[in-house]
Protein backbone atom coordinates (compact mmCIF):
# COMPACT_ATOMS: atom_id res chain seq x y z
CA MET A 1 15.69 -55.54 -68.05
CA LYS A 2 17.49 -52.23 -67.71
CA GLN A 3 15.90 -49.23 -69.40
CA HIS A 4 17.57 -47.36 -72.21
CA PRO A 5 19.58 -44.37 -70.85
CA THR A 6 17.45 -41.98 -72.91
CA ILE A 7 14.26 -43.35 -71.36
CA GLU A 8 15.78 -42.91 -67.88
CA LEU A 9 16.70 -39.33 -68.80
CA LEU A 10 13.15 -38.61 -69.93
CA GLU A 11 11.68 -40.06 -66.75
CA SER A 12 14.03 -37.84 -64.72
CA LEU A 13 12.93 -34.90 -66.88
CA ASN A 14 9.32 -35.74 -66.09
CA ILE A 15 10.06 -35.70 -62.34
CA THR A 16 11.86 -32.38 -62.76
CA VAL A 17 8.91 -30.79 -64.59
CA ILE A 18 6.53 -31.90 -61.82
CA TYR A 19 8.93 -30.47 -59.23
CA LEU A 20 9.06 -27.12 -61.05
CA ILE A 21 5.26 -26.93 -61.21
CA GLU A 22 4.94 -27.70 -57.49
CA SER A 23 7.68 -25.19 -56.64
CA ALA A 24 5.97 -22.47 -58.70
CA THR A 25 2.66 -23.26 -56.99
CA CYS A 26 4.25 -22.74 -53.56
CA LEU A 27 5.79 -19.47 -54.72
CA ALA A 28 2.46 -18.24 -56.06
CA VAL A 29 0.45 -19.13 -52.93
CA LEU A 30 2.98 -17.51 -50.59
CA TYR A 31 3.23 -14.44 -52.81
CA LEU A 32 -0.56 -13.93 -52.71
CA LEU A 33 -0.47 -14.15 -48.91
CA TYR A 34 2.28 -11.55 -48.79
CA HIS A 35 0.62 -9.24 -51.31
CA PHE A 36 -2.79 -9.14 -49.63
CA PHE A 37 -1.85 -9.34 -45.94
CA LEU A 38 1.79 -8.41 -45.25
CA ARG A 39 3.17 -6.08 -47.90
CA ASN A 40 1.82 -2.88 -46.33
CA GLU A 41 2.77 -3.81 -42.78
CA LYS A 42 5.67 -2.01 -41.10
CA SER A 43 7.09 -5.27 -39.72
CA PHE A 44 10.04 -5.03 -42.10
CA HIS A 45 12.25 -7.67 -40.50
CA TYR A 46 9.32 -10.08 -40.38
CA ASN A 47 8.51 -9.39 -44.05
CA ARG A 48 12.12 -9.95 -45.03
CA ALA A 49 12.21 -13.25 -43.13
CA TYR A 50 8.88 -14.27 -44.67
CA LEU A 51 10.12 -13.71 -48.23
CA LEU A 52 13.32 -15.64 -47.60
CA VAL A 53 11.45 -18.48 -45.92
CA ALA A 54 8.93 -18.50 -48.79
CA LEU A 55 11.77 -18.95 -51.28
CA PHE A 56 13.33 -21.72 -49.19
CA ILE A 57 9.97 -23.47 -48.74
CA SER A 58 9.17 -23.31 -52.45
CA VAL A 59 12.50 -24.84 -53.38
CA SER A 60 12.70 -27.47 -50.64
CA PHE A 61 9.16 -28.70 -49.88
CA PRO A 62 8.61 -30.44 -53.26
CA MET A 63 11.93 -32.28 -52.79
CA MET A 64 11.07 -33.68 -49.35
CA GLU A 65 9.52 -37.13 -49.05
CA PHE A 66 7.50 -38.18 -46.02
CA SER A 67 4.69 -40.70 -45.74
CA TYR A 68 1.34 -40.59 -44.02
CA ASN A 69 -1.49 -43.06 -43.57
CA PRO A 70 -4.69 -41.83 -45.26
CA ALA A 71 -6.74 -44.13 -43.02
CA ASN A 72 -5.73 -42.04 -39.98
CA THR A 73 -6.22 -38.68 -41.71
CA PRO A 74 -9.50 -36.74 -42.00
CA GLY A 75 -11.14 -37.00 -45.40
CA PHE A 76 -10.83 -33.24 -46.03
CA PHE A 77 -7.04 -33.39 -45.84
CA ASN A 78 -6.92 -36.50 -48.01
CA SER A 79 -9.00 -34.71 -50.65
CA LEU A 80 -6.81 -31.62 -50.38
CA HIS A 81 -3.66 -33.70 -50.75
CA GLN A 82 -5.10 -35.54 -53.76
CA LEU A 83 -6.12 -32.26 -55.37
CA GLY A 84 -2.71 -30.68 -54.77
CA ASN A 85 -0.89 -33.68 -56.23
CA GLY A 86 -3.19 -34.15 -59.21
CA VAL A 87 -0.39 -33.02 -61.51
CA GLY A 88 1.60 -36.13 -60.68
CA ASP A 89 -1.11 -38.70 -61.37
CA ASP A 90 -0.20 -39.04 -65.03
CA PRO A 91 3.27 -38.42 -66.47
CA ILE A 92 3.61 -35.05 -68.18
CA ILE A 93 6.26 -36.49 -70.47
CA GLU A 94 5.57 -40.03 -71.66
CA ALA A 95 9.09 -41.39 -71.96
CA GLU A 96 8.45 -44.10 -74.51
CA ARG A 97 6.38 -41.86 -76.78
CA ALA A 98 8.72 -38.87 -76.47
CA TYR A 99 11.73 -40.99 -77.39
CA SER A 100 10.14 -42.89 -80.28
CA TYR A 101 9.88 -41.57 -83.81
CA THR A 102 8.86 -43.18 -87.08
CA ILE A 103 11.34 -43.72 -89.88
CA THR A 104 10.06 -44.16 -93.41
CA ALA A 105 11.89 -44.50 -96.68
CA LYS A 106 12.15 -40.71 -97.07
CA SER A 107 12.54 -39.63 -93.42
CA GLU A 108 15.33 -39.51 -90.91
CA ARG A 109 15.72 -38.66 -87.26
CA PRO A 110 15.09 -34.94 -86.55
CA PHE A 111 18.15 -32.87 -85.68
CA LEU A 112 16.59 -32.15 -82.28
CA LEU A 113 13.59 -33.83 -80.70
CA TRP A 114 11.29 -31.44 -78.82
CA TRP A 115 12.48 -32.53 -75.39
CA GLU A 116 16.12 -32.20 -76.48
CA ALA A 117 15.43 -28.63 -77.61
CA LEU A 118 13.73 -27.90 -74.26
CA LEU A 119 16.67 -29.31 -72.32
CA LEU A 120 19.15 -27.37 -74.45
CA LEU A 121 17.19 -24.15 -73.90
CA TYR A 122 17.22 -24.64 -70.12
CA VAL A 123 20.95 -25.38 -69.98
CA THR A 124 21.62 -22.33 -72.16
CA GLY A 125 19.59 -20.13 -69.82
CA VAL A 126 21.39 -21.45 -66.73
CA THR A 127 24.79 -20.97 -68.37
CA PHE A 128 23.98 -17.42 -69.45
CA GLY A 129 22.61 -16.50 -66.01
CA LEU A 130 25.61 -17.97 -64.20
CA LEU A 131 28.09 -16.17 -66.45
CA LYS A 132 26.20 -12.91 -65.97
CA LEU A 133 26.27 -13.31 -62.18
CA LEU A 134 30.00 -14.11 -62.15
CA VAL A 135 30.79 -11.17 -64.44
CA ARG A 136 28.90 -8.75 -62.18
CA ILE A 137 30.66 -10.02 -59.07
CA ARG A 138 33.98 -9.67 -60.87
CA GLN A 139 33.06 -6.08 -61.78
CA PHE A 140 32.59 -5.29 -58.10
CA LYS A 141 35.98 -6.80 -57.30
CA GLU A 142 37.60 -4.76 -60.07
CA VAL A 143 36.00 -1.54 -58.80
CA ILE A 144 37.19 -2.29 -55.28
CA TRP A 145 40.70 -2.95 -56.57
CA TYR A 146 40.73 0.13 -58.82
CA ARG A 147 39.53 2.40 -55.99
CA ARG A 148 41.70 0.82 -53.27
CA HIS A 149 43.68 4.03 -52.81
CA ALA A 150 40.42 5.85 -51.99
CA THR A 151 39.20 3.19 -49.53
CA ARG A 152 39.09 3.71 -45.77
CA PHE A 153 38.02 1.26 -43.09
CA LYS A 154 35.26 2.68 -40.88
CA LYS A 155 34.39 0.46 -37.93
CA ASN A 156 32.60 -2.52 -39.57
CA PHE A 157 32.68 -1.41 -43.22
CA PHE A 158 34.94 -0.09 -45.96
CA LEU A 159 34.19 3.38 -47.33
CA VAL A 160 35.09 3.65 -51.02
CA GLN A 161 34.98 7.15 -52.55
CA THR A 162 33.83 6.95 -56.17
CA GLU A 163 34.54 10.55 -57.33
CA GLY A 164 31.27 10.58 -59.29
CA MET A 165 32.14 7.45 -61.29
CA MET A 166 29.20 5.57 -59.74
CA PRO A 167 26.33 6.34 -57.35
CA THR A 168 26.28 5.75 -53.62
CA PHE A 169 25.44 2.14 -52.86
CA SER A 170 26.47 -0.72 -50.61
CA PHE A 171 27.58 -4.26 -51.38
CA PHE A 172 28.34 -6.63 -48.52
CA ASN A 173 30.64 -4.62 -46.20
CA TYR A 174 31.65 -2.03 -48.82
CA LEU A 175 29.96 1.38 -48.91
CA PHE A 176 30.59 3.15 -52.21
CA TRP A 177 30.25 6.90 -51.59
CA ASP A 178 29.73 9.37 -54.43
CA ASN A 179 31.64 12.28 -52.91
CA SER A 180 30.88 14.46 -55.94
CA GLN A 181 27.32 15.00 -54.69
CA GLU A 182 26.60 18.09 -52.61
CA TYR A 183 25.07 17.25 -49.25
CA SER A 184 24.76 19.07 -45.99
CA GLU A 185 26.35 17.33 -43.03
CA GLU A 186 22.95 16.15 -41.79
CA GLU A 187 21.99 14.82 -45.22
CA LYS A 188 25.34 13.08 -45.57
CA GLU A 189 24.90 11.38 -42.21
CA GLN A 190 21.41 10.15 -43.18
CA VAL A 191 22.52 8.76 -46.53
CA ILE A 192 25.45 6.98 -44.93
CA ALA A 193 23.16 5.71 -42.17
CA HIS A 194 20.85 4.31 -44.84
CA GLU A 195 23.67 2.44 -46.58
CA ARG A 196 25.13 1.28 -43.29
CA ALA A 197 21.74 -0.24 -42.45
CA HIS A 198 22.02 -2.33 -45.61
CA ILE A 199 25.48 -3.46 -44.48
CA ASP A 200 24.58 -4.10 -40.85
CA GLN A 201 21.43 -6.05 -41.78
CA LYS A 202 23.38 -8.03 -44.41
CA HIS A 203 20.93 -7.38 -47.24
CA SER A 204 23.52 -8.33 -49.86
CA TYR A 205 23.29 -11.95 -48.77
CA ASP A 206 19.57 -11.93 -49.57
CA ILE A 207 20.21 -10.51 -53.03
CA LEU A 208 22.96 -13.02 -53.75
CA PHE A 209 20.69 -15.86 -52.58
CA ILE A 210 17.88 -14.91 -54.92
CA GLU A 211 20.31 -14.25 -57.78
CA ILE A 212 21.49 -17.85 -57.46
CA LEU A 213 17.86 -19.02 -57.50
CA LYS A 214 17.27 -16.88 -60.59
CA VAL A 215 20.11 -18.70 -62.33
CA ILE A 216 18.42 -22.05 -61.66
CA PHE A 217 14.83 -20.90 -62.17
CA TRP A 218 15.54 -18.25 -64.81
CA PHE A 219 12.30 -19.04 -66.66
CA ASN A 220 10.08 -18.43 -63.61
CA PRO A 221 8.82 -14.80 -63.49
CA LEU A 222 7.96 -15.19 -59.80
CA MET A 223 11.67 -15.24 -58.97
CA TYR A 224 12.08 -11.76 -60.43
CA LEU A 225 9.01 -10.60 -58.54
CA TYR A 226 10.41 -11.93 -55.25
CA LYS A 227 13.68 -10.11 -55.88
CA ALA A 228 11.78 -6.84 -56.33
CA LEU A 229 9.85 -7.50 -53.11
CA LEU A 230 13.05 -8.19 -51.18
CA GLU A 231 14.67 -5.00 -52.47
CA GLU A 232 11.53 -3.09 -51.50
CA VAL A 233 11.53 -4.33 -47.91
CA HIS A 234 15.32 -3.73 -47.72
CA GLU A 235 14.77 -0.08 -48.57
CA TYR A 236 11.96 0.27 -46.05
CA ALA A 237 14.13 -1.21 -43.29
CA ALA A 238 17.10 0.98 -44.25
CA ASP A 239 14.90 4.10 -44.35
CA LYS A 240 13.64 3.33 -40.86
CA ALA A 241 17.19 2.89 -39.56
CA ALA A 242 18.40 6.04 -41.31
CA ILE A 243 15.69 8.25 -39.86
CA GLY A 244 16.19 7.04 -36.31
CA ASN A 245 15.82 10.06 -34.07
CA ALA A 246 16.55 12.51 -36.91
CA ASN A 247 14.09 14.81 -38.61
CA PRO A 248 12.00 12.71 -41.06
CA ALA A 249 11.05 15.83 -43.06
CA ILE A 250 14.69 16.49 -44.02
CA TYR A 251 15.13 12.85 -44.99
CA SER A 252 11.95 12.95 -47.11
CA GLN A 253 13.13 16.08 -48.94
CA LEU A 254 16.49 14.44 -49.56
CA LEU A 255 14.78 11.33 -50.93
CA VAL A 256 12.58 13.33 -53.29
CA ARG A 257 15.36 15.36 -54.88
CA THR A 258 17.89 12.56 -55.12
CA VAL A 259 18.31 11.06 -58.56
CA PHE A 260 20.69 8.20 -59.16
CA LYS A 261 21.76 6.21 -62.15
CA LYS A 262 22.31 2.53 -61.66
CA MET A 263 25.35 2.23 -63.96
CA GLY A 264 24.83 -1.56 -64.10
CA MET A 265 25.31 -2.13 -60.37
CA GLU A 266 21.97 -3.91 -59.97
CA TYR A 267 23.23 -6.34 -57.32
CA GLY A 268 24.05 -3.57 -54.85
CA SER A 269 21.72 -1.77 -52.48
CA TYR A 270 21.62 1.97 -52.94
CA PHE A 271 19.74 4.93 -51.63
CA GLY A 272 17.62 5.92 -54.63
CA LYS A 273 16.80 2.48 -55.93
CA ASN A 274 13.16 1.89 -55.04
CA LYS A 275 10.12 3.98 -55.94
CA THR A 276 10.29 7.18 -53.98
CA VAL A 277 6.56 7.68 -53.40
CA LYS A 278 6.08 4.22 -51.88
CA ARG A 279 8.99 4.79 -49.52
CA LEU A 280 7.61 8.15 -48.45
CA ASN A 281 4.19 6.68 -47.80
CA MET A 282 5.68 3.87 -45.76
CA MET A 283 7.66 6.35 -43.64
CA LYS A 284 4.50 8.31 -42.87
CA LYS A 285 2.52 5.21 -41.93
CA VAL A 286 1.95 4.64 -38.21
CA ALA A 287 3.59 1.45 -37.01
CA SER A 288 1.22 -1.14 -35.53
CA THR A 289 1.58 -4.88 -35.08
CA ASN A 290 -1.26 -7.01 -36.41
CA TYR A 291 -0.52 -10.42 -34.93
CA PHE A 292 -3.36 -12.05 -36.85
CA LYS A 293 -1.71 -11.12 -40.15
CA LEU A 294 1.72 -12.18 -38.90
CA LEU A 295 0.43 -15.61 -37.84
CA LEU A 296 -1.80 -16.13 -40.88
CA PRO A 297 0.96 -17.71 -43.05
CA VAL A 298 1.58 -20.48 -40.49
CA PRO A 299 -1.43 -22.71 -41.38
CA PHE A 300 -0.85 -22.11 -45.10
CA ILE A 301 2.78 -23.14 -44.81
CA ALA A 302 1.71 -26.23 -42.86
CA LEU A 303 -0.77 -27.12 -45.61
CA LEU A 304 1.85 -26.64 -48.33
CA PHE A 305 4.22 -28.87 -46.34
CA PHE A 306 1.53 -31.55 -46.09
CA ILE A 307 0.53 -31.32 -49.75
CA PHE A 308 3.96 -31.22 -51.38
CA SER A 309 6.24 -33.02 -48.90
CA PHE A 310 4.04 -35.97 -47.96
CA ASP A 311 3.00 -38.98 -50.00
CA ALA A 312 0.07 -41.15 -48.99
CA LEU A 313 0.99 -44.67 -48.03
CA PRO A 314 -0.63 -47.10 -50.47
CA ILE A 315 -3.74 -48.74 -49.06
CA GLU A 316 -3.73 -52.46 -49.71
CA LYS A 317 -7.17 -53.96 -50.08
CA VAL A 318 -8.75 -57.17 -51.25
CA ILE A 319 -11.89 -57.13 -53.39
CA ILE A 320 -14.11 -60.19 -53.80
CA GLU A 321 -15.87 -60.08 -57.14
CA ASN A 322 -19.22 -61.72 -57.88
CA TYR A 323 -18.96 -65.49 -58.10
CA LYS A 324 -20.36 -67.68 -60.81
CA VAL A 325 -21.53 -71.30 -60.80
CA GLU A 326 -19.71 -73.57 -63.21
CA ALA A 327 -22.53 -75.81 -64.36
CA ASN A 328 -25.00 -76.16 -67.16
CA GLU A 329 -27.55 -77.91 -65.01
CA ASN A 330 -30.85 -76.26 -64.32
CA PHE A 331 -30.65 -75.71 -60.58
CA GLU A 332 -33.76 -74.79 -58.68
CA SER A 333 -31.56 -72.68 -56.38
CA PHE A 334 -27.93 -71.75 -56.65
CA PRO A 335 -25.33 -72.25 -53.92
CA GLU A 336 -24.71 -69.29 -51.62
CA PRO A 337 -23.11 -68.67 -48.20
CA THR A 338 -25.43 -69.21 -45.25
CA ILE A 339 -24.73 -65.66 -44.02
CA GLY A 340 -25.55 -64.18 -47.42
CA ILE A 341 -23.20 -63.42 -50.29
CA GLU A 342 -22.57 -59.77 -49.39
CA ASP A 343 -21.69 -60.57 -45.77
CA TRP A 344 -19.50 -63.45 -46.94
CA LYS A 345 -17.65 -61.17 -49.35
CA SER A 346 -17.21 -58.53 -46.63
CA PHE A 347 -15.91 -61.17 -44.24
CA LEU A 348 -13.28 -62.34 -46.71
CA GLU A 349 -12.26 -58.77 -47.66
CA SER A 350 -11.71 -58.02 -43.97
CA ASN A 351 -9.90 -61.25 -43.13
CA ILE A 352 -7.63 -61.80 -46.12
CA VAL A 353 -4.38 -60.24 -44.92
CA TYR A 354 -2.33 -58.59 -47.66
CA PRO A 355 0.99 -60.48 -47.32
CA GLU A 356 4.12 -58.47 -46.54
CA ALA A 357 5.92 -60.18 -49.42
CA ALA A 358 3.22 -58.92 -51.80
CA LYS A 359 3.49 -55.39 -50.36
CA GLU A 360 7.26 -55.32 -50.81
CA ALA A 361 6.89 -56.58 -54.38
CA ASN A 362 4.25 -53.92 -55.03
CA LEU A 363 1.99 -56.76 -56.20
CA GLU A 364 -1.44 -56.15 -57.64
CA GLY A 365 -3.68 -58.39 -59.69
CA GLU A 366 -6.53 -60.85 -59.82
CA MET A 367 -6.55 -64.48 -58.80
CA LEU A 368 -9.23 -67.05 -59.54
CA ILE A 369 -10.31 -69.78 -57.14
CA SER A 370 -12.81 -72.51 -57.77
CA PHE A 371 -14.23 -75.05 -55.35
CA ASN A 372 -17.02 -77.57 -54.97
CA VAL A 373 -19.92 -76.98 -52.62
CA ASN A 374 -21.14 -80.48 -51.73
CA GLN A 375 -24.67 -81.47 -50.80
CA TYR A 376 -23.90 -80.70 -47.14
CA GLY A 377 -22.64 -77.14 -47.89
CA ASN A 378 -18.97 -77.88 -47.28
CA ILE A 379 -16.22 -76.45 -49.49
CA GLN A 380 -14.12 -79.14 -51.18
CA GLU A 381 -11.52 -79.56 -53.91
CA LEU A 382 -10.39 -75.93 -53.91
CA VAL A 383 -8.17 -75.04 -56.87
CA PHE A 384 -6.37 -71.80 -57.77
CA SER A 385 -7.17 -71.40 -61.46
CA LYS A 386 -5.02 -68.26 -61.54
CA LYS A 387 -2.29 -67.54 -59.00
CA LEU A 388 -0.45 -64.39 -57.90
CA GLY A 389 2.19 -65.86 -55.62
CA TYR A 390 3.97 -63.97 -52.83
CA GLU A 391 1.94 -65.86 -50.17
CA THR A 392 -1.39 -64.51 -51.44
CA GLU A 393 -2.79 -68.04 -51.88
CA LYS A 394 -1.95 -68.87 -48.25
CA ALA A 395 -3.73 -65.72 -47.06
CA VAL A 396 -6.87 -66.67 -49.03
CA LEU A 397 -6.90 -70.22 -47.68
CA GLU A 398 -6.62 -69.00 -44.08
CA ALA A 399 -9.55 -66.63 -44.52
CA LEU A 400 -11.70 -69.25 -46.28
CA SER A 401 -11.12 -71.72 -43.44
CA LYS A 402 -12.78 -69.23 -41.08
CA SER A 403 -15.70 -68.35 -43.35
CA SER A 404 -19.24 -69.68 -43.09
CA LYS A 405 -20.64 -72.80 -44.70
CA TRP A 406 -22.67 -72.61 -47.90
CA LYS A 407 -26.21 -73.54 -48.72
CA PRO A 408 -25.93 -76.22 -51.39
CA ALA A 409 -27.59 -75.96 -54.77
CA THR A 410 -30.89 -77.78 -55.20
CA LYS A 411 -32.34 -79.74 -58.09
CA ASP A 412 -35.56 -81.73 -58.15
CA GLY A 413 -36.00 -80.94 -54.48
CA ASN A 414 -32.65 -82.44 -53.50
CA ASN A 415 -29.34 -80.91 -52.44
CA VAL A 416 -26.72 -81.43 -55.15
CA PRO A 417 -23.02 -80.59 -55.48
CA SER A 418 -21.96 -77.62 -57.58
CA ARG A 419 -18.76 -75.86 -58.50
CA VAL A 420 -18.20 -72.16 -57.84
CA GLU A 421 -15.58 -69.78 -59.28
CA VAL A 422 -14.68 -66.63 -57.32
CA PRO A 423 -12.36 -63.84 -58.59
CA ILE A 424 -10.29 -62.19 -55.85
CA VAL A 425 -8.51 -58.90 -56.59
CA PHE A 426 -5.47 -57.70 -54.68
CA LYS A 427 -5.21 -53.95 -55.18
CA LYS A 428 -3.09 -51.05 -53.91
CA SER A 429 -4.45 -47.53 -54.04
């Protein structure tokens, strides 16, 4: 029977919530690695790549689906995988309960159920963020159009003179130059070199990428943190390119006395954007490559990939429960397998093959078999009191035909027939 569309929507919402939690977990783990091991390193291009890869990993890993066999995996990794996926064991949103509501003589359906309000809030946030992004991009286009008469093409970028209407900044291959500021020729060259570094290294693409992610994940504060980190490493890389072979002291003095106003152009990259003291300290720091720190994220990324992109294949197993004797007679001894009940149960559990048809049907359940143990210890008149189908009965019969004989029950010193009932559980875990 097909589910109600609302129930299907709620189940999809439950999957989405789990995805968002897993994505946020990836973001948090990779941020902590960056904060404690990489943030103060002068490997700016590596740090930039790391942050972008971290964003991509956090968005994509929880969506990937691969399978692995827990039987061939060390127990530590199985435990780690189970711990990391504990959030998905039970549904966060119980579809049936979330959709149902009680109607009495004086009540009616609420205007908005809680999950409807949550969904409406998310859609509103996405809509607002998308409109804001589009408006800002349109503002850039309008500025470029308005200042087209003051635009000159310089090698691989366009130089737009702003006449003091906005600060110096870069956006894609446009360099907006505030020609109302008083600079010496050397200072002017360094500022332009800084902005050209943003253009040459295509930093605007990074900002646009994370702005799109912010539209989708507008409620996640980690996205805003990652944007700040990307802007920070952009400025470090541009500072390094701007200094080049020039005098770093002059550049430092220029950085200290430069004050800019953003004027709403928060998607651009501009000279005075990041905290001045941190940039000065980074310029003074001696460059050294710590390969241990650079390689440290690799095993963590591999673990995140294993935890969030892999699902354990279900392990099919057969469990033989304790048997009981169907008789009211006072036996001196009860029937039991000649090899002992525990060994007999282990033999059956190892030899009953979980049928492929039952696997495909995702079948689980308990069957009941009963049989006579005659005075010679042979199994006779086997009956399936409770069946499961999907070839499970055939698999049980094949295993029983290979099992040991039984010791018959005894009464008054003689072997007597008895009837035994055995529950057999087919289980996937």
